[in-house]
All heavy atoms as atom14 arrays in JSON, in Angstrom:
{
  "sequence": "SGGTNYADSVKGRFTISRGNAKNTVYLQMNSLKPADTAVYYCN",
  "atom14_mask": [
    [1, 1, 1, 1, 1, 1, 0, 0, 0, 0, 0, 0, 0, 0],
    [1, 1, 1, 1, 0, 0, 0, 0, 0, 0, 0, 0, 0, 0],
    [1, 1, 1, 1, 0, 0, 0, 0, 0, 0, 0, 0, 0, 0],
    [1, 1, 1, 1, 1, 1, 1, 0, 0, 0, 0, 0, 0, 0],
    [1, 1, 1, 1, 1, 1, 1, 1, 0, 0, 0, 0, 0, 0],
    [1, 1, 1, 1, 1, 1, 1, 1, 1, 1, 1, 1, 0, 0],
    [1, 1, 1, 1, 1, 0, 0, 0, 0, 0, 0, 0, 0, 0],
    [1, 1, 1, 1, 1, 1, 1, 1, 0, 0, 0, 0, 0, 0],
    [1, 1, 1, 1, 1, 1, 0, 0, 0, 0, 0, 0, 0, 0],
    [1, 1, 1, 1, 1, 1, 1, 0, 0, 0, 0, 0, 0, 0],
    [1, 1, 1, 1, 1, 1, 1, 1, 1, 0, 0, 0, 0, 0],
    [1, 1, 1, 1, 0, 0, 0, 0, 0, 0, 0, 0, 0, 0],
    [1, 1, 1, 1, 1, 1, 1, 1, 1, 1, 1, 0, 0, 0],
    [1, 1, 1, 1, 1, 1, 1, 1, 1, 1, 1, 0, 0, 0],
    [1, 1, 1, 1, 1, 1, 1, 0, 0, 0, 0, 0, 0, 0],
    [1, 1, 1, 1, 1, 1, 1, 1, 0, 0, 0, 0, 0, 0],
    [1, 1, 1, 1, 1, 1, 0, 0, 0, 0, 0, 0, 0, 0],
    [1, 1, 1, 1, 1, 1, 1, 1, 1, 1, 1, 0, 0, 0],
    [1, 1, 1, 1, 0, 0, 0, 0, 0, 0, 0, 0, 0, 0],
    [1, 1, 1, 1, 1, 1, 1, 1, 0, 0, 0, 0, 0, 0],
    [1, 1, 1, 1, 1, 0, 0, 0, 0, 0, 0, 0, 0, 0],
    [1, 1, 1, 1, 1, 1, 1, 1, 1, 0, 0, 0, 0, 0],
    [1, 1, 1, 1, 1, 1, 1, 1, 0, 0, 0, 0, 0, 0],
    [1, 1, 1, 1, 1, 1, 1, 0, 0, 0, 0, 0, 0, 0],
    [1, 1, 1, 1, 1, 1, 1, 0, 0, 0, 0, 0, 0, 0],
    [1, 1, 1, 1, 1, 1, 1, 1, 1, 1, 1, 1, 0, 0],
    [1, 1, 1, 1, 1, 1, 1, 1, 0, 0, 0, 0, 0, 0],
    [1, 1, 1, 1, 1, 1, 1, 1, 1, 0, 0, 0, 0, 0],
    [1, 1, 1, 1, 1, 1, 1, 1, 0, 0, 0, 0, 0, 0],
    [1, 1, 1, 1, 1, 1, 1, 1, 0, 0, 0, 0, 0, 0],
    [1, 1, 1, 1, 1, 1, 0, 0, 0, 0, 0, 0, 0, 0],
    [1, 1, 1, 1, 1, 1, 1, 1, 0, 0, 0, 0, 0, 0],
    [1, 1, 1, 1, 1, 1, 1, 1, 1, 0, 0, 0, 0, 0],
    [1, 1, 1, 1, 1, 1, 1, 0, 0, 0, 0, 0, 0, 0],
    [1, 1, 1, 1, 1, 0, 0, 0, 0, 0, 0, 0, 0, 0],
    [1, 1, 1, 1, 1, 1, 1, 1, 0, 0, 0, 0, 0, 0],
    [1, 1, 1, 1, 1, 1, 1, 0, 0, 0, 0, 0, 0, 0],
    [1, 1, 1, 1, 1, 0, 0, 0, 0, 0, 0, 0, 0, 0],
    [1, 1, 1, 1, 1, 1, 1, 0, 0, 0, 0, 0, 0, 0],
    [1, 1, 1, 1, 1, 1, 1, 1, 1, 1, 1, 1, 0, 0],
    [1, 1, 1, 1, 1, 1, 1, 1, 1, 1, 1, 1, 0, 0],
    [1, 1, 1, 1, 1, 1, 0, 0, 0, 0, 0, 0, 0, 0],
    [1, 1, 1, 1, 1, 1, 1, 1, 0, 0, 0, 0, 0, 0]
  ],
  "atom14_positions": [
    [[-5.18, 20.91, -7.43], [-3.76, 20.8, -7.75], [-3.1, 19.57, -7.14], [-1.91, 19.35, -7.33], [-3.01, 22.06, -7.32], [-3.11, 22.26, -5.93], [0.0, 0.0, 0.0], [0.0, 0.0, 0.0], [0.0, 0.0, 0.0], [0.0, 0.0, 0.0], [0.0, 0.0, 0.0], [0.0, 0.0, 0.0], [0.0, 0.0, 0.0], [0.0, 0.0, 0.0]],
    [[-3.87, 18.8, -6.38], [-3.35, 17.57, -5.83], [-2.92, 17.62, -4.38], [-2.48, 16.6, -3.83], [0.0, 0.0, 0.0], [0.0, 0.0, 0.0], [0.0, 0.0, 0.0], [0.0, 0.0, 0.0], [0.0, 0.0, 0.0], [0.0, 0.0, 0.0], [0.0, 0.0, 0.0], [0.0, 0.0, 0.0], [0.0, 0.0, 0.0], [0.0, 0.0, 0.0]],
    [[-3.0, 18.78, -3.76], [-2.65, 18.88, -2.36], [-3.65, 18.14, -1.49], [-4.85, 18.13, -1.78], [0.0, 0.0, 0.0], [0.0, 0.0, 0.0], [0.0, 0.0, 0.0], [0.0, 0.0, 0.0], [0.0, 0.0, 0.0], [0.0, 0.0, 0.0], [0.0, 0.0, 0.0], [0.0, 0.0, 0.0], [0.0, 0.0, 0.0], [0.0, 0.0, 0.0]],
    [[-3.17, 17.53, -0.44], [-4.04, 16.73, 0.43], [-3.93, 17.17, 1.87], [-2.93, 17.75, 2.3], [-3.71, 15.24, 0.34], [-2.34, 15.03, 0.7], [-3.94, 14.73, -1.08], [0.0, 0.0, 0.0], [0.0, 0.0, 0.0], [0.0, 0.0, 0.0], [0.0, 0.0, 0.0], [0.0, 0.0, 0.0], [0.0, 0.0, 0.0], [0.0, 0.0, 0.0]],
    [[-4.97, 16.87, 2.61], [-5.02, 17.16, 4.03], [-5.77, 16.03, 4.71], [-6.79, 15.57, 4.2], [-5.71, 18.5, 4.29], [-5.82, 18.83, 5.76], [-6.87, 18.65, 6.38], [-4.73, 19.32, 6.34], [0.0, 0.0, 0.0], [0.0, 0.0, 0.0], [0.0, 0.0, 0.0], [0.0, 0.0, 0.0], [0.0, 0.0, 0.0], [0.0, 0.0, 0.0]],
    [[-5.27, 15.59, 5.86], [-5.87, 14.48, 6.59], [-6.1, 14.83, 8.04], [-5.33, 15.58, 8.65], [-4.97, 13.24, 6.54], [-4.75, 12.68, 5.16], [-3.67, 13.09, 4.4], [-5.61, 11.72, 4.64], [-3.44, 12.58, 3.13], [-5.39, 11.2, 3.38], [-4.32, 11.63, 2.63], [-4.11, 11.11, 1.38], [0.0, 0.0, 0.0], [0.0, 0.0, 0.0]],
    [[-7.15, 14.27, 8.6], [-7.33, 14.34, 10.03], [-6.21, 13.56, 10.71], [-5.73, 12.54, 10.19], [-8.68, 13.76, 10.43], [0.0, 0.0, 0.0], [0.0, 0.0, 0.0], [0.0, 0.0, 0.0], [0.0, 0.0, 0.0], [0.0, 0.0, 0.0], [0.0, 0.0, 0.0], [0.0, 0.0, 0.0], [0.0, 0.0, 0.0], [0.0, 0.0, 0.0]],
    [[-5.79, 14.03, 11.87], [-4.71, 13.36, 12.58], [-5.02, 11.89, 12.86], [-4.13, 11.04, 12.84], [-4.42, 14.07, 13.9], [-3.75, 15.41, 13.72], [-3.18, 15.66, 12.63], [-3.78, 16.22, 14.66], [0.0, 0.0, 0.0], [0.0, 0.0, 0.0], [0.0, 0.0, 0.0], [0.0, 0.0, 0.0], [0.0, 0.0, 0.0], [0.0, 0.0, 0.0]],
    [[-6.28, 11.59, 13.08], [-6.67, 10.24, 13.44], [-6.52, 9.23, 12.32], [-6.52, 8.02, 12.57], [-8.12, 10.22, 13.94], [-9.0, 10.69, 12.95], [0.0, 0.0, 0.0], [0.0, 0.0, 0.0], [0.0, 0.0, 0.0], [0.0, 0.0, 0.0], [0.0, 0.0, 0.0], [0.0, 0.0, 0.0], [0.0, 0.0, 0.0], [0.0, 0.0, 0.0]],
    [[-6.38, 9.71, 11.07], [-6.29, 8.79, 9.94], [-4.98, 8.89, 9.2], [-4.76, 8.12, 8.25], [-7.46, 8.99, 8.96], [-8.8, 8.91, 9.68], [-7.33, 10.32, 8.22], [0.0, 0.0, 0.0], [0.0, 0.0, 0.0], [0.0, 0.0, 0.0], [0.0, 0.0, 0.0], [0.0, 0.0, 0.0], [0.0, 0.0, 0.0], [0.0, 0.0, 0.0]],
    [[-4.12, 9.81, 9.58], [-2.84, 9.96, 8.9], [-2.04, 8.67, 8.94], [-1.95, 8.02, 9.99], [-2.03, 11.1, 9.54], [-2.54, 12.48, 9.23], [-1.68, 13.55, 9.88], [-2.18, 14.94, 9.54], [-1.38, 16.0, 10.21], [0.0, 0.0, 0.0], [0.0, 0.0, 0.0], [0.0, 0.0, 0.0], [0.0, 0.0, 0.0], [0.0, 0.0, 0.0]],
    [[-1.49, 8.31, 7.81], [-0.71, 7.1, 7.71], [-1.53, 5.87, 7.42], [-0.97, 4.81, 7.11], [0.0, 0.0, 0.0], [0.0, 0.0, 0.0], [0.0, 0.0, 0.0], [0.0, 0.0, 0.0], [0.0, 0.0, 0.0], [0.0, 0.0, 0.0], [0.0, 0.0, 0.0], [0.0, 0.0, 0.0], [0.0, 0.0, 0.0], [0.0, 0.0, 0.0]],
    [[-2.85, 5.97, 7.53], [-3.72, 4.83, 7.29], [-4.63, 5.03, 6.08], [-4.91, 4.08, 5.35], [-4.59, 4.55, 8.52], [-3.79, 4.23, 9.77], [-4.69, 3.75, 10.9], [-5.64, 4.78, 11.31], [-6.98, 4.65, 11.23], [-7.5, 3.52, 10.74], [-7.77, 5.63, 11.63], [0.0, 0.0, 0.0], [0.0, 0.0, 0.0], [0.0, 0.0, 0.0]],
    [[-5.1, 6.26, 5.88], [-6.02, 6.56, 4.78], [-5.3, 7.35, 3.7], [-4.4, 8.16, 4.0], [-7.2, 7.39, 5.27], [-8.16, 6.66, 6.18], [-7.87, 5.41, 6.7], [-9.36, 7.26, 6.52], [-8.75, 4.75, 7.55], [-10.25, 6.61, 7.37], [-9.95, 5.37, 7.88], [0.0, 0.0, 0.0], [0.0, 0.0, 0.0], [0.0, 0.0, 0.0]],
    [[-5.71, 7.15, 2.47], [-5.16, 7.89, 1.34], [-6.29, 8.38, 0.45], [-7.13, 7.58, 0.02], [-4.2, 7.03, 0.51], [-3.13, 6.55, 1.34], [-3.61, 7.85, -0.63], [0.0, 0.0, 0.0], [0.0, 0.0, 0.0], [0.0, 0.0, 0.0], [0.0, 0.0, 0.0], [0.0, 0.0, 0.0], [0.0, 0.0, 0.0], [0.0, 0.0, 0.0]],
    [[-6.32, 9.67, 0.19], [-7.32, 10.24, -0.7], [-6.68, 10.49, -2.06], [-5.5, 10.86, -2.15], [-7.91, 11.54, -0.12], [-9.12, 12.0, -0.94], [-6.86, 12.64, -0.02], [-9.9, 13.13, -0.3], [0.0, 0.0, 0.0], [0.0, 0.0, 0.0], [0.0, 0.0, 0.0], [0.0, 0.0, 0.0], [0.0, 0.0, 0.0], [0.0, 0.0, 0.0]],
    [[-7.43, 10.28, -3.11], [-6.91, 10.47, -4.45], [-8.03, 10.86, -5.4], [-9.21, 10.63, -5.12], [-6.2, 9.21, -4.97], [-7.1, 8.12, -5.03], [0.0, 0.0, 0.0], [0.0, 0.0, 0.0], [0.0, 0.0, 0.0], [0.0, 0.0, 0.0], [0.0, 0.0, 0.0], [0.0, 0.0, 0.0], [0.0, 0.0, 0.0], [0.0, 0.0, 0.0]],
    [[-7.65, 11.48, -6.51], [-8.59, 11.85, -7.55], [-8.51, 10.86, -8.69], [-7.44, 10.35, -9.02], [-8.3, 13.26, -8.07], [-8.48, 14.37, -7.04], [-9.96, 14.71, -6.86], [-10.54, 15.27, -8.06], [-10.47, 16.55, -8.43], [-9.83, 17.42, -7.65], [-11.04, 16.96, -9.54], [0.0, 0.0, 0.0], [0.0, 0.0, 0.0], [0.0, 0.0, 0.0]],
    [[-9.65, 10.62, -9.33], [-9.68, 9.76, -10.49], [-9.14, 10.47, -11.72], [-8.99, 11.7, -11.73], [0.0, 0.0, 0.0], [0.0, 0.0, 0.0], [0.0, 0.0, 0.0], [0.0, 0.0, 0.0], [0.0, 0.0, 0.0], [0.0, 0.0, 0.0], [0.0, 0.0, 0.0], [0.0, 0.0, 0.0], [0.0, 0.0, 0.0], [0.0, 0.0, 0.0]],
    [[-8.87, 9.7, -12.76], [-8.34, 10.28, -13.99], [-9.29, 11.3, -14.61], [-8.85, 12.28, -15.21], [-8.03, 9.18, -15.0], [-6.88, 8.31, -14.59], [-6.0, 8.73, -13.83], [-6.85, 7.09, -15.09], [0.0, 0.0, 0.0], [0.0, 0.0, 0.0], [0.0, 0.0, 0.0], [0.0, 0.0, 0.0], [0.0, 0.0, 0.0], [0.0, 0.0, 0.0]],
    [[-10.58, 11.07, -14.46], [-11.57, 11.98, -15.01], [-11.73, 13.25, -14.19], [-12.4, 14.18, -14.62], [-12.92, 11.27, -15.14], [0.0, 0.0, 0.0], [0.0, 0.0, 0.0], [0.0, 0.0, 0.0], [0.0, 0.0, 0.0], [0.0, 0.0, 0.0], [0.0, 0.0, 0.0], [0.0, 0.0, 0.0], [0.0, 0.0, 0.0], [0.0, 0.0, 0.0]],
    [[-11.15, 13.29, -13.02], [-11.15, 14.44, -12.11], [-12.53, 14.78, -11.56], [-12.69, 15.8, -10.9], [-10.55, 15.68, -12.8], [-9.14, 15.47, -13.34], [-8.18, 15.07, -12.24], [-6.77, 14.88, -12.77], [-5.84, 14.4, -11.74], [0.0, 0.0, 0.0], [0.0, 0.0, 0.0], [0.0, 0.0, 0.0], [0.0, 0.0, 0.0], [0.0, 0.0, 0.0]],
    [[-13.5, 13.94, -11.84], [-14.81, 14.1, -11.22], [-15.09, 12.98, -10.23], [-16.24, 12.79, -9.82], [-15.9, 14.17, -12.28], [-16.06, 12.87, -13.05], [-15.14, 12.06, -13.11], [-17.24, 12.67, -13.61], [0.0, 0.0, 0.0], [0.0, 0.0, 0.0], [0.0, 0.0, 0.0], [0.0, 0.0, 0.0], [0.0, 0.0, 0.0], [0.0, 0.0, 0.0]],
    [[-14.05, 12.27, -9.87], [-14.17, 11.2, -8.9], [-13.11, 11.36, -7.83], [-12.05, 11.94, -8.07], [-14.02, 9.81, -9.55], [-12.77, 9.74, -10.24], [-15.15, 9.55, -10.53], [0.0, 0.0, 0.0], [0.0, 0.0, 0.0], [0.0, 0.0, 0.0], [0.0, 0.0, 0.0], [0.0, 0.0, 0.0], [0.0, 0.0, 0.0], [0.0, 0.0, 0.0]],
    [[-13.42, 10.88, -6.66], [-12.47, 10.9, -5.57], [-12.58, 9.59, -4.83], [-13.67, 9.02, -4.71], [-12.72, 12.11, -4.62], [-14.1, 12.02, -3.96], [-11.63, 12.22, -3.58], [0.0, 0.0, 0.0], [0.0, 0.0, 0.0], [0.0, 0.0, 0.0], [0.0, 0.0, 0.0], [0.0, 0.0, 0.0], [0.0, 0.0, 0.0], [0.0, 0.0, 0.0]],
    [[-11.45, 9.1, -4.34], [-11.38, 7.83, -3.66], [-10.78, 8.0, -2.28], [-10.0, 8.91, -2.02], [-10.54, 6.83, -4.45], [-11.0, 6.62, -5.87], [-10.43, 7.34, -6.91], [-12.02, 5.73, -6.16], [-10.85, 7.17, -8.22], [-12.45, 5.55, -7.46], [-11.86, 6.27, -8.48], [-12.29, 6.09, -9.78], [0.0, 0.0, 0.0], [0.0, 0.0, 0.0]],
    [[-11.16, 7.13, -1.4], [-10.56, 7.08, -0.08], [-10.17, 5.64, 0.2], [-11.04, 4.8, 0.44], [-11.52, 7.6, 0.99], [-10.93, 7.71, 2.4], [-9.87, 8.82, 2.46], [-12.02, 7.98, 3.43], [0.0, 0.0, 0.0], [0.0, 0.0, 0.0], [0.0, 0.0, 0.0], [0.0, 0.0, 0.0], [0.0, 0.0, 0.0], [0.0, 0.0, 0.0]],
    [[-8.88, 5.38, 0.15], [-8.37, 4.06, 0.49], [-8.14, 4.03, 1.99], [-7.35, 4.81, 2.51], [-7.07, 3.78, -0.26], [-6.45, 2.43, 0.06], [-7.29, 1.27, -0.39], [-7.78, 1.26, -1.52], [-7.49, 0.29, 0.47], [0.0, 0.0, 0.0], [0.0, 0.0, 0.0], [0.0, 0.0, 0.0], [0.0, 0.0, 0.0], [0.0, 0.0, 0.0]],
    [[-8.82, 3.13, 2.67], [-8.75, 3.04, 4.11], [-8.09, 1.73, 4.5], [-8.64, 0.65, 4.26], [-10.14, 3.14, 4.74], [-10.89, 4.41, 4.34], [-12.49, 4.56, 5.19], [-13.36, 3.17, 4.48], [0.0, 0.0, 0.0], [0.0, 0.0, 0.0], [0.0, 0.0, 0.0], [0.0, 0.0, 0.0], [0.0, 0.0, 0.0], [0.0, 0.0, 0.0]],
    [[-6.91, 1.82, 5.07], [-6.17, 0.65, 5.52], [-6.05, 0.67, 7.04], [-6.26, 1.68, 7.69], [-4.78, 0.63, 4.89], [-4.81, 0.51, 3.39], [-5.68, -0.13, 2.82], [-3.82, 1.12, 2.73], [0.0, 0.0, 0.0], [0.0, 0.0, 0.0], [0.0, 0.0, 0.0], [0.0, 0.0, 0.0], [0.0, 0.0, 0.0], [0.0, 0.0, 0.0]],
    [[-5.68, -0.48, 7.58], [-5.51, -0.61, 9.03], [-6.71, -0.06, 9.78], [-6.58, 0.72, 10.73], [-4.23, 0.1, 9.47], [-3.09, -0.43, 8.81], [0.0, 0.0, 0.0], [0.0, 0.0, 0.0], [0.0, 0.0, 0.0], [0.0, 0.0, 0.0], [0.0, 0.0, 0.0], [0.0, 0.0, 0.0], [0.0, 0.0, 0.0], [0.0, 0.0, 0.0]],
    [[-7.87, -0.46, 9.35], [-9.1, 0.06, 9.94], [-9.23, -0.29, 11.41], [-8.8, -1.35, 11.86], [-10.31, -0.48, 9.18], [-10.56, 0.17, 7.81], [-11.52, -0.67, 6.99], [-11.12, 1.58, 8.0], [0.0, 0.0, 0.0], [0.0, 0.0, 0.0], [0.0, 0.0, 0.0], [0.0, 0.0, 0.0], [0.0, 0.0, 0.0], [0.0, 0.0, 0.0]],
    [[-9.82, 0.64, 12.14], [-10.07, 0.49, 13.56], [-11.56, 0.61, 13.83], [-12.28, 1.25, 13.06], [-9.34, 1.57, 14.35], [-7.84, 1.64, 14.12], [-7.24, 2.83, 14.87], [-5.75, 2.93, 14.65], [-5.17, 4.11, 15.36], [0.0, 0.0, 0.0], [0.0, 0.0, 0.0], [0.0, 0.0, 0.0], [0.0, 0.0, 0.0], [0.0, 0.0, 0.0]],
    [[-12.04, 0.03, 14.92], [-13.46, 0.2, 15.25], [-13.87, 1.67, 15.34], [-15.01, 2.0, 15.03], [-13.58, -0.5, 16.61], [-12.55, -1.58, 16.55], [-11.39, -0.95, 15.8], [0.0, 0.0, 0.0], [0.0, 0.0, 0.0], [0.0, 0.0, 0.0], [0.0, 0.0, 0.0], [0.0, 0.0, 0.0], [0.0, 0.0, 0.0], [0.0, 0.0, 0.0]],
    [[-12.95, 2.54, 15.75], [-13.25, 3.96, 15.85], [-13.52, 4.61, 14.49], [-14.01, 5.73, 14.43], [-12.1, 4.69, 16.55], [0.0, 0.0, 0.0], [0.0, 0.0, 0.0], [0.0, 0.0, 0.0], [0.0, 0.0, 0.0], [0.0, 0.0, 0.0], [0.0, 0.0, 0.0], [0.0, 0.0, 0.0], [0.0, 0.0, 0.0], [0.0, 0.0, 0.0]],
    [[-13.18, 3.92, 13.42], [-13.46, 4.43, 12.08], [-14.91, 4.21, 11.68], [-15.34, 4.7, 10.63], [-12.55, 3.77, 11.05], [-11.09, 4.1, 11.26], [-10.78, 5.26, 11.58], [-10.25, 3.18, 11.1], [0.0, 0.0, 0.0], [0.0, 0.0, 0.0], [0.0, 0.0, 0.0], [0.0, 0.0, 0.0], [0.0, 0.0, 0.0], [0.0, 0.0, 0.0]],
    [[-15.66, 3.47, 12.46], [-17.05, 3.21, 12.16], [-17.84, 4.51, 12.12], [-17.85, 5.28, 13.09], [-17.66, 2.27, 13.2], [-17.0, 1.0, 13.14], [-19.15, 2.07, 12.96], [0.0, 0.0, 0.0], [0.0, 0.0, 0.0], [0.0, 0.0, 0.0], [0.0, 0.0, 0.0], [0.0, 0.0, 0.0], [0.0, 0.0, 0.0], [0.0, 0.0, 0.0]],
    [[-18.49, 4.77, 11.0], [-19.24, 6.0, 10.8], [-19.9, 5.96, 9.44], [-19.64, 5.07, 8.63], [-18.31, 7.22, 10.89], [0.0, 0.0, 0.0], [0.0, 0.0, 0.0], [0.0, 0.0, 0.0], [0.0, 0.0, 0.0], [0.0, 0.0, 0.0], [0.0, 0.0, 0.0], [0.0, 0.0, 0.0], [0.0, 0.0, 0.0], [0.0, 0.0, 0.0]],
    [[-20.74, 6.94, 9.19], [-21.23, 7.19, 7.85], [-20.26, 8.17, 7.2], [-19.97, 9.22, 7.77], [-22.66, 7.76, 7.84], [-23.1, 8.08, 6.41], [-23.63, 6.78, 8.49], [0.0, 0.0, 0.0], [0.0, 0.0, 0.0], [0.0, 0.0, 0.0], [0.0, 0.0, 0.0], [0.0, 0.0, 0.0], [0.0, 0.0, 0.0], [0.0, 0.0, 0.0]],
    [[-19.77, 7.81, 6.04], [-18.81, 8.63, 5.33], [-19.51, 9.39, 4.2], [-20.24, 8.8, 3.4], [-17.68, 7.77, 4.77], [-16.71, 7.32, 5.83], [-17.09, 6.4, 6.8], [-15.41, 7.83, 5.87], [-16.22, 6.0, 7.79], [-14.52, 7.43, 6.86], [-14.94, 6.52, 7.81], [-14.05, 6.12, 8.8], [0.0, 0.0, 0.0], [0.0, 0.0, 0.0]],
    [[-19.26, 10.69, 4.15], [-19.91, 11.56, 3.18], [-18.89, 12.18, 2.23], [-17.87, 12.71, 2.68], [-20.67, 12.7, 3.87], [-21.79, 12.25, 4.77], [-21.56, 11.98, 6.11], [-23.07, 12.1, 4.27], [-22.59, 11.57, 6.94], [-24.11, 11.69, 5.09], [-23.86, 11.43, 6.42], [-24.89, 11.04, 7.24], [0.0, 0.0, 0.0], [0.0, 0.0, 0.0]],
    [[-19.19, 12.15, 0.97], [-18.38, 12.83, -0.02], [-18.78, 14.3, -0.07], [-19.96, 14.64, 0.05], [-18.59, 12.18, -1.39], [-17.57, 12.86, -2.71], [0.0, 0.0, 0.0], [0.0, 0.0, 0.0], [0.0, 0.0, 0.0], [0.0, 0.0, 0.0], [0.0, 0.0, 0.0], [0.0, 0.0, 0.0], [0.0, 0.0, 0.0], [0.0, 0.0, 0.0]],
    [[-17.8, 15.16, -0.24], [-18.02, 16.61, -0.26], [-17.29, 17.22, -1.44], [-16.17, 16.82, -1.77], [-17.54, 17.23, 1.05], [-17.51, 18.75, 1.01], [-16.48, 19.35, 0.71], [-18.65, 19.36, 1.29], [0.0, 0.0, 0.0], [0.0, 0.0, 0.0], [0.0, 0.0, 0.0], [0.0, 0.0, 0.0], [0.0, 0.0, 0.0], [0.0, 0.0, 0.0]]
  ]
}
């Protein structure tokens, strides 16, 4: 339904969204920090 939830550490910097086909998801990551370094997994 479009509701979103973010970890406190990324609020205000990252934005999650769904694609038009609804089988895709995006994560726009801005103002990146070294602490963001990780392997990112889609779920």
